[in-house]
Amino acid sequence: MQAWLYCLLAMLLIVVNVVSMATNLFLLPGNWLIVVMSAGFAWLVQGPAGQGVTWGTVLAVIVVASLGELAEFLAGAAGAARLGGSRRGIFLSMLGAMLGSMLGIGVGLPVPLVGPIVAAVLGGAFGSFAGAYLGEQWKGRSHADGLAIGGGAMVGRLGGTVAKLAASVIMVVLVAWDSLF
């Protein structure tokens, strides 16, 4: 393969991986999209002088994606569960986070470039709070318990989102480095 074509494909991979990373904000499987795209690149694209994404990097990306998913799940569920949240509250917290992220991106914030991202994260956090609160109210818990558990779910969701985004940044950097250097 010619060097210019390889560089173009490598840059396209990086752009696609960054877009995939952004889908994490909407509770979509962005990290797994990065894994799939990177594995496809490793399998299909070989640059000049043996350049390309190695299978060792693909394995490292799979490990980092798994750790990111685990951190997100544990942080999100633990935020409500450690305060005594019910399964119903935890489930509605996750549903609320997804709906809140989508609503946040739809409404957005009037800040160029980062407004939609911040709105999606905040929408997910407030949706998580609302879902946990409603779940606990439905379960018959007091208003104070619902607020506390909802607050725990919101903090957990924010922590989980940060952990998953950190994992995706590591993944994008690993693949970019391996594909270009």
N, C-alpha and C. Protein backbone atom coordinates (compact mmCIF):
# COMPACT_ATOMS: atom_id res chain seq x y z
N MET A 1 0.85 -1.18 0.00
CA MET A 1 0.00 0.00 0.00
C MET A 1 0.89 1.24 0.00
N GLN A 2 0.47 2.22 -0.73
CA GLN A 2 1.25 3.46 -0.80
C GLN A 2 1.14 4.23 0.52
N ALA A 3 2.18 4.95 0.85
CA ALA A 3 2.26 5.65 2.14
C ALA A 3 1.15 6.68 2.30
N TRP A 4 0.81 7.41 1.25
CA TRP A 4 -0.22 8.44 1.37
C TRP A 4 -1.59 7.82 1.64
N LEU A 5 -1.87 6.68 1.02
CA LEU A 5 -3.15 6.01 1.24
C LEU A 5 -3.22 5.45 2.66
N TYR A 6 -2.12 4.87 3.11
CA TYR A 6 -2.10 4.35 4.48
C TYR A 6 -2.33 5.49 5.48
N CYS A 7 -1.65 6.62 5.31
CA CYS A 7 -1.81 7.76 6.23
C CYS A 7 -3.25 8.26 6.22
N LEU A 8 -3.86 8.31 5.04
CA LEU A 8 -5.25 8.74 4.94
C LEU A 8 -6.17 7.78 5.70
N LEU A 9 -5.96 6.48 5.52
CA LEU A 9 -6.78 5.50 6.23
C LEU A 9 -6.55 5.55 7.74
N ALA A 10 -5.31 5.75 8.16
CA ALA A 10 -5.00 5.85 9.59
C ALA A 10 -5.68 7.07 10.21
N MET A 11 -5.65 8.20 9.49
CA MET A 11 -6.31 9.41 9.99
C MET A 11 -7.83 9.21 10.05
N LEU A 12 -8.38 8.53 9.06
CA LEU A 12 -9.81 8.22 9.07
C LEU A 12 -10.15 7.34 10.27
N LEU A 13 -9.32 6.36 10.56
CA LEU A 13 -9.53 5.51 11.74
C LEU A 13 -9.55 6.35 13.01
N ILE A 14 -8.64 7.28 13.13
CA ILE A 14 -8.58 8.13 14.32
C ILE A 14 -9.84 8.98 14.44
N VAL A 15 -10.29 9.55 13.34
CA VAL A 15 -11.52 10.37 13.37
C VAL A 15 -12.72 9.51 13.77
N VAL A 16 -12.83 8.32 13.18
CA VAL A 16 -13.94 7.43 13.52
C VAL A 16 -13.87 7.03 15.00
N ASN A 17 -12.68 6.78 15.50
CA ASN A 17 -12.53 6.41 16.92
C ASN A 17 -12.90 7.56 17.84
N VAL A 18 -12.57 8.79 17.47
CA VAL A 18 -12.94 9.95 18.29
C VAL A 18 -14.46 10.12 18.29
N VAL A 19 -15.09 9.94 17.13
CA VAL A 19 -16.56 10.02 17.07
C VAL A 19 -17.17 8.89 17.91
N SER A 20 -16.59 7.70 17.84
CA SER A 20 -17.08 6.58 18.65
C SER A 20 -16.94 6.91 20.14
N MET A 21 -15.85 7.55 20.50
CA MET A 21 -15.64 7.95 21.89
C MET A 21 -16.76 8.88 22.34
N ALA A 22 -17.17 9.78 21.48
CA ALA A 22 -18.23 10.73 21.83
C ALA A 22 -19.57 10.04 22.05
N THR A 23 -19.79 8.89 21.41
CA THR A 23 -21.07 8.20 21.60
C THR A 23 -21.22 7.66 23.02
N ASN A 24 -20.11 7.57 23.77
CA ASN A 24 -20.20 7.15 25.17
C ASN A 24 -21.05 8.11 25.99
N LEU A 25 -21.10 9.37 25.57
CA LEU A 25 -21.89 10.36 26.30
C LEU A 25 -23.37 10.06 26.26
N PHE A 26 -23.80 9.27 25.27
CA PHE A 26 -25.21 8.92 25.12
C PHE A 26 -25.49 7.50 25.57
N LEU A 27 -24.56 6.95 26.37
CA LEU A 27 -24.67 5.58 26.89
C LEU A 27 -24.70 4.55 25.78
N LEU A 28 -24.10 4.88 24.65
CA LEU A 28 -23.95 3.93 23.55
C LEU A 28 -22.59 3.24 23.68
N PRO A 29 -22.41 2.12 23.02
CA PRO A 29 -21.17 1.35 23.20
C PRO A 29 -19.99 1.88 22.39
N GLY A 30 -19.61 3.13 22.64
CA GLY A 30 -18.53 3.76 21.89
C GLY A 30 -17.20 3.05 22.03
N ASN A 31 -16.90 2.56 23.23
CA ASN A 31 -15.62 1.86 23.42
C ASN A 31 -15.56 0.58 22.59
N TRP A 32 -16.68 -0.09 22.45
CA TRP A 32 -16.69 -1.32 21.66
C TRP A 32 -16.65 -1.00 20.17
N LEU A 33 -17.15 0.16 19.77
CA LEU A 33 -16.99 0.58 18.38
C LEU A 33 -15.51 0.84 18.08
N ILE A 34 -14.81 1.41 19.04
CA ILE A 34 -13.36 1.62 18.88
C ILE A 34 -12.65 0.28 18.73
N VAL A 35 -13.03 -0.70 19.53
CA VAL A 35 -12.43 -2.04 19.43
C VAL A 35 -12.67 -2.63 18.05
N VAL A 36 -13.92 -2.57 17.58
CA VAL A 36 -14.27 -3.16 16.29
C VAL A 36 -13.53 -2.46 15.15
N MET A 37 -13.51 -1.14 15.17
CA MET A 37 -12.84 -0.40 14.09
C MET A 37 -11.34 -0.65 14.10
N SER A 38 -10.75 -0.72 15.28
CA SER A 38 -9.31 -0.95 15.38
C SER A 38 -8.94 -2.37 14.96
N ALA A 39 -9.76 -3.34 15.34
CA ALA A 39 -9.51 -4.72 14.92
C ALA A 39 -9.67 -4.86 13.41
N GLY A 40 -10.68 -4.21 12.85
CA GLY A 40 -10.86 -4.23 11.40
C GLY A 40 -9.68 -3.61 10.68
N PHE A 41 -9.16 -2.52 11.22
CA PHE A 41 -8.00 -1.88 10.62
C PHE A 41 -6.78 -2.79 10.71
N ALA A 42 -6.59 -3.43 11.86
CA ALA A 42 -5.45 -4.35 12.03
C ALA A 42 -5.53 -5.51 11.05
N TRP A 43 -6.73 -5.97 10.79
CA TRP A 43 -6.93 -7.12 9.91
C TRP A 43 -6.79 -6.75 8.44
N LEU A 44 -7.33 -5.58 8.06
CA LEU A 44 -7.42 -5.24 6.65
C LEU A 44 -6.34 -4.32 6.10
N VAL A 45 -5.71 -3.53 6.96
CA VAL A 45 -4.81 -2.49 6.47
C VAL A 45 -3.39 -2.73 6.95
N GLN A 46 -2.50 -2.85 6.02
CA GLN A 46 -1.07 -2.99 6.32
C GLN A 46 -0.33 -1.88 5.58
N GLY A 47 0.36 -1.06 6.33
CA GLY A 47 1.04 0.08 5.72
C GLY A 47 2.42 -0.28 5.20
N PRO A 48 3.09 0.72 4.67
CA PRO A 48 4.44 0.49 4.17
C PRO A 48 5.37 0.12 5.32
N ALA A 49 6.32 -0.73 5.05
CA ALA A 49 7.33 -1.16 6.04
C ALA A 49 6.68 -1.81 7.26
N GLY A 50 5.57 -2.53 7.05
CA GLY A 50 4.94 -3.25 8.15
C GLY A 50 4.17 -2.39 9.13
N GLN A 51 3.94 -1.14 8.78
CA GLN A 51 3.22 -0.24 9.66
C GLN A 51 1.76 -0.67 9.76
N GLY A 52 1.16 -0.47 10.93
CA GLY A 52 -0.24 -0.79 11.11
C GLY A 52 -0.58 -1.02 12.56
N VAL A 53 -1.84 -1.19 12.85
CA VAL A 53 -2.28 -1.50 14.20
C VAL A 53 -1.97 -2.96 14.47
N THR A 54 -1.25 -3.24 15.53
CA THR A 54 -0.88 -4.62 15.84
C THR A 54 -1.98 -5.30 16.65
N TRP A 55 -1.94 -6.62 16.65
CA TRP A 55 -2.93 -7.38 17.42
C TRP A 55 -2.68 -7.21 18.91
N GLY A 56 -1.46 -6.91 19.30
CA GLY A 56 -1.18 -6.60 20.70
C GLY A 56 -1.91 -5.35 21.15
N THR A 57 -1.95 -4.35 20.27
CA THR A 57 -2.69 -3.13 20.58
C THR A 57 -4.18 -3.40 20.63
N VAL A 58 -4.67 -4.23 19.72
CA VAL A 58 -6.10 -4.58 19.74
C VAL A 58 -6.44 -5.27 21.06
N LEU A 59 -5.59 -6.18 21.51
CA LEU A 59 -5.83 -6.85 22.80
C LEU A 59 -5.81 -5.84 23.95
N ALA A 60 -4.86 -4.91 23.93
CA ALA A 60 -4.80 -3.87 24.97
C ALA A 60 -6.06 -3.02 24.97
N VAL A 61 -6.57 -2.70 23.78
CA VAL A 61 -7.78 -1.90 23.65
C VAL A 61 -8.99 -2.67 24.20
N ILE A 62 -9.03 -3.97 23.96
CA ILE A 62 -10.12 -4.80 24.51
C ILE A 62 -10.08 -4.79 26.04
N VAL A 63 -8.90 -4.91 26.61
CA VAL A 63 -8.76 -4.89 28.07
C VAL A 63 -9.19 -3.54 28.63
N VAL A 64 -8.74 -2.45 28.02
CA VAL A 64 -9.11 -1.11 28.50
C VAL A 64 -10.61 -0.88 28.35
N ALA A 65 -11.21 -1.33 27.25
CA ALA A 65 -12.66 -1.19 27.06
C ALA A 65 -13.42 -1.96 28.14
N SER A 66 -12.96 -3.15 28.44
CA SER A 66 -13.61 -3.96 29.49
C SER A 66 -13.52 -3.28 30.84
N LEU A 67 -12.35 -2.74 31.15
CA LEU A 67 -12.18 -2.03 32.43
C LEU A 67 -13.05 -0.77 32.49
N GLY A 68 -13.17 -0.08 31.37
CA GLY A 68 -14.03 1.11 31.33
C GLY A 68 -15.49 0.76 31.55
N GLU A 69 -15.94 -0.32 30.93
CA GLU A 69 -17.33 -0.76 31.11
C GLU A 69 -17.58 -1.18 32.56
N LEU A 70 -16.62 -1.92 33.12
CA LEU A 70 -16.76 -2.36 34.51
C LEU A 70 -16.82 -1.17 35.45
N ALA A 71 -15.94 -0.20 35.24
CA ALA A 71 -15.93 1.00 36.09
C ALA A 71 -17.24 1.77 35.97
N GLU A 72 -17.73 1.91 34.74
CA GLU A 72 -18.99 2.63 34.55
C GLU A 72 -20.15 1.92 35.24
N PHE A 73 -20.23 0.61 35.08
CA PHE A 73 -21.32 -0.13 35.69
C PHE A 73 -21.25 -0.07 37.21
N LEU A 74 -20.05 -0.31 37.75
CA LEU A 74 -19.92 -0.31 39.21
C LEU A 74 -20.19 1.06 39.81
N ALA A 75 -19.69 2.11 39.17
CA ALA A 75 -19.91 3.46 39.70
C ALA A 75 -21.38 3.84 39.63
N GLY A 76 -22.01 3.56 38.50
CA GLY A 76 -23.41 3.92 38.34
C GLY A 76 -24.33 3.19 39.29
N ALA A 77 -24.15 1.89 39.40
CA ALA A 77 -25.01 1.10 40.29
C ALA A 77 -24.65 1.33 41.75
N ALA A 78 -23.37 1.46 42.04
CA ALA A 78 -22.94 1.62 43.43
C ALA A 78 -23.39 2.94 44.02
N GLY A 79 -23.49 3.97 43.16
CA GLY A 79 -23.93 5.27 43.67
C GLY A 79 -25.27 5.19 44.36
N ALA A 80 -26.21 4.47 43.80
CA ALA A 80 -27.53 4.32 44.40
C ALA A 80 -27.55 3.17 45.41
N ALA A 81 -26.88 2.08 45.10
CA ALA A 81 -26.95 0.89 45.95
C ALA A 81 -26.31 1.11 47.31
N ARG A 82 -25.23 1.87 47.36
CA ARG A 82 -24.55 2.05 48.66
C ARG A 82 -25.40 2.86 49.63
N LEU A 83 -26.39 3.56 49.11
CA LEU A 83 -27.31 4.31 49.97
C LEU A 83 -28.62 3.56 50.19
N GLY A 84 -28.64 2.28 49.80
CA GLY A 84 -29.82 1.46 50.03
C GLY A 84 -30.85 1.50 48.91
N GLY A 85 -30.45 1.88 47.73
CA GLY A 85 -31.37 1.94 46.60
C GLY A 85 -31.89 0.57 46.20
N SER A 86 -33.11 0.53 45.77
CA SER A 86 -33.74 -0.72 45.34
C SER A 86 -33.33 -1.05 43.92
N ARG A 87 -33.58 -2.29 43.50
CA ARG A 87 -33.32 -2.67 42.11
C ARG A 87 -34.14 -1.82 41.15
N ARG A 88 -35.36 -1.53 41.55
CA ARG A 88 -36.23 -0.69 40.72
C ARG A 88 -35.62 0.70 40.55
N GLY A 89 -35.15 1.27 41.64
CA GLY A 89 -34.52 2.59 41.57
C GLY A 89 -33.26 2.59 40.72
N ILE A 90 -32.47 1.53 40.86
CA ILE A 90 -31.23 1.42 40.07
C ILE A 90 -31.57 1.26 38.59
N PHE A 91 -32.55 0.42 38.27
CA PHE A 91 -32.95 0.23 36.88
C PHE A 91 -33.48 1.54 36.28
N LEU A 92 -34.36 2.21 37.02
CA LEU A 92 -34.91 3.48 36.50
C LEU A 92 -33.83 4.55 36.43
N SER A 93 -32.83 4.46 37.30
CA SER A 93 -31.70 5.38 37.23
C SER A 93 -30.95 5.22 35.92
N MET A 94 -30.71 3.97 35.51
CA MET A 94 -30.02 3.73 34.24
C MET A 94 -30.87 4.19 33.06
N LEU A 95 -32.16 3.90 33.10
CA LEU A 95 -33.07 4.34 32.04
C LEU A 95 -33.13 5.87 31.99
N GLY A 96 -33.21 6.49 33.15
CA GLY A 96 -33.24 7.94 33.22
C GLY A 96 -31.97 8.56 32.69
N ALA A 97 -30.83 7.92 32.97
CA ALA A 97 -29.56 8.44 32.46
C ALA A 97 -29.54 8.43 30.94
N MET A 98 -30.05 7.36 30.34
CA MET A 98 -30.07 7.27 28.88
C MET A 98 -31.00 8.34 28.29
N LEU A 99 -32.19 8.43 28.83
CA LEU A 99 -33.14 9.42 28.32
C LEU A 99 -32.66 10.84 28.57
N GLY A 100 -32.07 11.07 29.74
CA GLY A 100 -31.56 12.40 30.07
C GLY A 100 -30.42 12.82 29.15
N SER A 101 -29.55 11.87 28.79
CA SER A 101 -28.46 12.18 27.86
C SER A 101 -29.01 12.59 26.51
N MET A 102 -30.00 11.84 26.03
CA MET A 102 -30.58 12.16 24.72
C MET A 102 -31.30 13.51 24.76
N LEU A 103 -32.02 13.76 25.83
CA LEU A 103 -32.70 15.04 25.97
C LEU A 103 -31.68 16.18 26.08
N GLY A 104 -30.61 15.93 26.84
CA GLY A 104 -29.57 16.94 26.99
C GLY A 104 -28.95 17.33 25.68
N ILE A 105 -28.66 16.34 24.86
CA ILE A 105 -28.05 16.65 23.56
C ILE A 105 -29.06 17.34 22.66
N GLY A 106 -30.34 16.98 22.79
CA GLY A 106 -31.37 17.61 21.98
C GLY A 106 -31.58 19.07 22.35
N VAL A 107 -31.56 19.36 23.63
CA VAL A 107 -31.73 20.73 24.11
C VAL A 107 -30.43 21.49 23.96
N GLY A 108 -29.34 20.88 24.40
CA GLY A 108 -28.01 21.48 24.28
C GLY A 108 -27.81 22.69 25.17
N LEU A 109 -26.60 23.20 25.12
CA LEU A 109 -26.24 24.43 25.82
C LEU A 109 -25.65 25.38 24.78
N PRO A 110 -25.89 26.67 24.94
CA PRO A 110 -25.41 27.62 23.93
C PRO A 110 -23.91 27.93 24.03
N VAL A 111 -23.11 26.89 24.14
CA VAL A 111 -21.66 27.06 24.19
C VAL A 111 -21.09 26.30 22.99
N PRO A 112 -20.37 26.99 22.12
CA PRO A 112 -19.84 26.30 20.93
C PRO A 112 -18.98 25.10 21.28
N LEU A 113 -19.10 24.05 20.51
CA LEU A 113 -18.35 22.80 20.58
C LEU A 113 -18.62 21.98 21.83
N VAL A 114 -18.44 22.53 23.01
CA VAL A 114 -18.59 21.73 24.22
C VAL A 114 -20.00 21.74 24.79
N GLY A 115 -20.86 22.65 24.31
CA GLY A 115 -22.22 22.74 24.84
C GLY A 115 -22.99 21.44 24.76
N PRO A 116 -23.05 20.79 23.59
CA PRO A 116 -23.79 19.53 23.49
C PRO A 116 -23.19 18.43 24.37
N ILE A 117 -21.89 18.40 24.50
CA ILE A 117 -21.24 17.38 25.32
C ILE A 117 -21.59 17.58 26.78
N VAL A 118 -21.45 18.81 27.26
CA VAL A 118 -21.78 19.11 28.66
C VAL A 118 -23.27 18.84 28.91
N ALA A 119 -24.12 19.22 27.96
CA ALA A 119 -25.56 18.99 28.11
C ALA A 119 -25.87 17.50 28.19
N ALA A 120 -25.19 16.68 27.40
CA ALA A 120 -25.43 15.23 27.43
C ALA A 120 -25.00 14.65 28.77
N VAL A 121 -23.84 15.07 29.28
CA VAL A 121 -23.36 14.56 30.57
C VAL A 121 -24.29 15.01 31.70
N LEU A 122 -24.64 16.29 31.72
CA LEU A 122 -25.55 16.79 32.77
C LEU A 122 -26.94 16.18 32.65
N GLY A 123 -27.42 16.02 31.40
CA GLY A 123 -28.72 15.38 31.21
C GLY A 123 -28.72 13.95 31.71
N GLY A 124 -27.62 13.22 31.47
CA GLY A 124 -27.50 11.86 31.98
C GLY A 124 -27.48 11.82 33.49
N ALA A 125 -26.76 12.77 34.10
CA ALA A 125 -26.67 12.81 35.56
C ALA A 125 -28.03 13.13 36.18
N PHE A 126 -28.71 14.15 35.63
CA PHE A 126 -30.02 14.51 36.19
C PHE A 126 -31.06 13.44 35.88
N GLY A 127 -30.95 12.80 34.73
CA GLY A 127 -31.86 11.69 34.41
C GLY A 127 -31.66 10.52 35.36
N SER A 128 -30.42 10.27 35.72
CA SER A 128 -30.11 9.21 36.68
C SER A 128 -30.71 9.54 38.04
N PHE A 129 -30.57 10.79 38.44
CA PHE A 129 -31.17 11.25 39.70
C PHE A 129 -32.68 11.06 39.67
N ALA A 130 -33.32 11.54 38.60
CA ALA A 130 -34.78 11.47 38.50
C ALA A 130 -35.27 10.03 38.49
N GLY A 131 -34.58 9.17 37.74
CA GLY A 131 -34.99 7.76 37.68
C GLY A 131 -34.89 7.09 39.04
N ALA A 132 -33.78 7.30 39.73
CA ALA A 132 -33.62 6.70 41.06
C ALA A 132 -34.65 7.24 42.03
N TYR A 133 -34.87 8.54 42.00
CA TYR A 133 -35.85 9.16 42.89
C TYR A 133 -37.24 8.58 42.64
N LEU A 134 -37.64 8.52 41.37
CA LEU A 134 -38.96 7.98 41.04
C LEU A 134 -39.08 6.51 41.42
N GLY A 135 -38.02 5.75 41.19
CA GLY A 135 -38.04 4.34 41.56
C GLY A 135 -38.22 4.14 43.05
N GLU A 136 -37.56 4.97 43.83
CA GLU A 136 -37.69 4.84 45.29
C GLU A 136 -39.05 5.33 45.77
N GLN A 137 -39.60 6.36 45.13
CA GLN A 137 -40.94 6.81 45.48
C GLN A 137 -41.97 5.74 45.15
N TRP A 138 -41.80 5.11 44.00
CA TRP A 138 -42.68 4.04 43.56
C TRP A 138 -42.60 2.88 44.55
N LYS A 139 -41.44 2.67 45.10
CA LYS A 139 -41.23 1.59 46.06
C LYS A 139 -41.84 1.93 47.43
N GLY A 140 -42.21 3.20 47.64
CA GLY A 140 -42.83 3.60 48.89
C GLY A 140 -41.86 4.23 49.88
N ARG A 141 -40.69 4.58 49.44
CA ARG A 141 -39.71 5.21 50.32
C ARG A 141 -40.05 6.67 50.54
N SER A 142 -39.47 7.25 51.58
CA SER A 142 -39.73 8.65 51.91
C SER A 142 -39.06 9.58 50.89
N HIS A 143 -39.50 10.82 50.92
CA HIS A 143 -38.94 11.85 50.04
C HIS A 143 -37.44 12.01 50.32
N ALA A 144 -37.06 12.04 51.57
CA ALA A 144 -35.64 12.21 51.94
C ALA A 144 -34.80 11.04 51.43
N ASP A 145 -35.32 9.82 51.57
CA ASP A 145 -34.60 8.65 51.05
C ASP A 145 -34.45 8.74 49.53
N GLY A 146 -35.52 9.12 48.85
CA GLY A 146 -35.47 9.26 47.40
C GLY A 146 -34.44 10.30 46.96
N LEU A 147 -34.38 11.42 47.68
CA LEU A 147 -33.39 12.46 47.35
C LEU A 147 -31.97 11.95 47.56
N ALA A 148 -31.75 11.27 48.67
CA ALA A 148 -30.40 10.77 48.97
C ALA A 148 -29.96 9.73 47.96
N ILE A 149 -30.84 8.78 47.66
CA ILE A 149 -30.50 7.72 46.71
C ILE A 149 -30.36 8.30 45.30
N GLY A 150 -31.23 9.24 44.94
CA GLY A 150 -31.11 9.91 43.64
C GLY A 150 -29.79 10.67 43.53
N GLY A 151 -29.39 11.34 44.60
CA GLY A 151 -28.11 12.04 44.61
C GLY A 151 -26.94 11.08 44.45
N GLY A 152 -27.04 9.94 45.12
CA GLY A 152 -25.99 8.93 44.98
C GLY A 152 -25.92 8.39 43.56
N ALA A 153 -27.08 8.18 42.95
CA ALA A 153 -27.12 7.70 41.57
C ALA A 153 -26.51 8.73 40.62
N MET A 154 -26.80 10.01 40.86
CA MET A 154 -26.27 11.07 40.01
C MET A 154 -24.75 11.16 40.11
N VAL A 155 -24.23 11.11 41.32
CA VAL A 155 -22.78 11.16 41.51
C VAL A 155 -22.12 9.92 40.90
N GLY A 156 -22.75 8.77 41.09
CA GLY A 156 -22.23 7.54 40.51
C GLY A 156 -22.21 7.59 38.99
N ARG A 157 -23.27 8.13 38.39
CA ARG A 157 -23.35 8.25 36.93
C ARG A 157 -22.24 9.17 36.41
N LEU A 158 -22.01 10.29 37.10
CA LEU A 158 -20.94 11.20 36.68
C LEU A 158 -19.57 10.51 36.77
N GLY A 159 -19.35 9.80 37.88
CA GLY A 159 -18.09 9.08 38.04
C GLY A 159 -17.91 8.00 36.99
N GLY A 160 -18.98 7.26 36.70
CA GLY A 160 -18.92 6.22 35.68
C GLY A 160 -18.65 6.78 34.30
N THR A 161 -19.28 7.92 33.99
CA THR A 161 -19.07 8.55 32.68
C THR A 161 -17.62 9.01 32.54
N VAL A 162 -17.09 9.61 33.60
CA VAL A 162 -15.70 10.07 33.56
C VAL A 162 -14.76 8.88 33.38
N ALA A 163 -15.01 7.78 34.10
CA ALA A 163 -14.15 6.59 33.99
C ALA A 163 -14.21 6.00 32.58
N LYS A 164 -15.39 5.93 32.00
CA LYS A 164 -15.53 5.36 30.67
C LYS A 164 -14.89 6.27 29.61
N LEU A 165 -15.05 7.57 29.77
CA LEU A 165 -14.41 8.49 28.84
C LEU A 165 -12.89 8.44 28.96
N ALA A 166 -12.39 8.29 30.18
CA ALA A 166 -10.94 8.16 30.37
C ALA A 166 -10.43 6.91 29.66
N ALA A 167 -11.18 5.83 29.78
CA ALA A 167 -10.79 4.59 29.09
C ALA A 167 -10.79 4.80 27.58
N SER A 168 -11.78 5.50 27.06
CA SER A 168 -11.84 5.71 25.61
C SER A 168 -10.73 6.62 25.12
N VAL A 169 -10.33 7.59 25.91
CA VAL A 169 -9.20 8.44 25.53
C VAL A 169 -7.92 7.60 25.44
N ILE A 170 -7.72 6.74 26.42
CA ILE A 170 -6.55 5.84 26.40
C ILE A 170 -6.58 4.97 25.15
N MET A 171 -7.75 4.45 24.82
CA MET A 171 -7.89 3.58 23.65
C MET A 171 -7.56 4.33 22.36
N VAL A 172 -8.10 5.53 22.22
CA VAL A 172 -7.87 6.32 21.00
C VAL A 172 -6.38 6.64 20.87
N VAL A 173 -5.74 7.01 21.97
CA VAL A 173 -4.31 7.34 21.94
C VAL A 173 -3.48 6.10 21.58
N LEU A 174 -3.80 4.96 22.18
CA LEU A 174 -3.06 3.72 21.86
C LEU A 174 -3.15 3.38 20.37
N VAL A 175 -4.34 3.43 19.83
CA VAL A 175 -4.54 3.08 18.42
C VAL A 175 -3.89 4.12 17.51
N ALA A 176 -4.04 5.40 17.85
CA ALA A 176 -3.42 6.45 17.03
C ALA A 176 -1.90 6.29 17.02
N TRP A 177 -1.33 6.07 18.18
CA TRP A 177 0.11 5.91 18.27
C TRP A 177 0.57 4.70 17.45
N ASP A 178 -0.12 3.59 17.62
CA ASP A 178 0.29 2.37 16.92
C ASP A 178 0.11 2.48 15.40
N SER A 179 -0.91 3.18 14.98
CA SER A 179 -1.16 3.29 13.55
C SER A 179 -0.24 4.29 12.85
N LEU A 180 0.21 5.29 13.57
CA LEU A 180 1.01 6.33 12.94
C LEU A 180 2.51 6.25 13.21
N PHE A 181 2.91 5.58 14.27
CA PHE A 181 4.36 5.55 14.63
C PHE A 181 4.91 4.16 14.68
